[in-house]
Amino acid sequence: MGDISIKINIADRLYPLRIEMEEEEIIRHAAKLINDRIKDLQENYAVRDKQDLLSMAVLHYATATLKAEKQVREEDTSVSEKVYKLDQLLTEFFKD
């Protein structure tokens, strides 16, 4: 498809972006998640500085992303090990 221009509001600042049309929904959803996280942090902590709130929100999402990536790697390793063991069993079975 084509590029489109949109404006995203994050922490009361507008950011003009040029994106692929199919990315728009994801980007708008990401901005909403960030703003919701900032709102939660603002309500639960005595932090008012938007930069601090943004930093805390980014830390939250970066940590969640790294945890998810680690879990995927561990699951991939587990699946690979199981496939290898199954391959060994089948090789032994068909040798006889």
Foldseek 3Di string as FASTA:
>chain_A
DAWDWDWAAALNDTDIDIDDPVCVVVVNVVRVQLNVQLVVCVVPDVDDDSVVSSVVSVVVVVVVVVVVVVVVVVVVVVVVVVVVVVVVVVVVVVVD
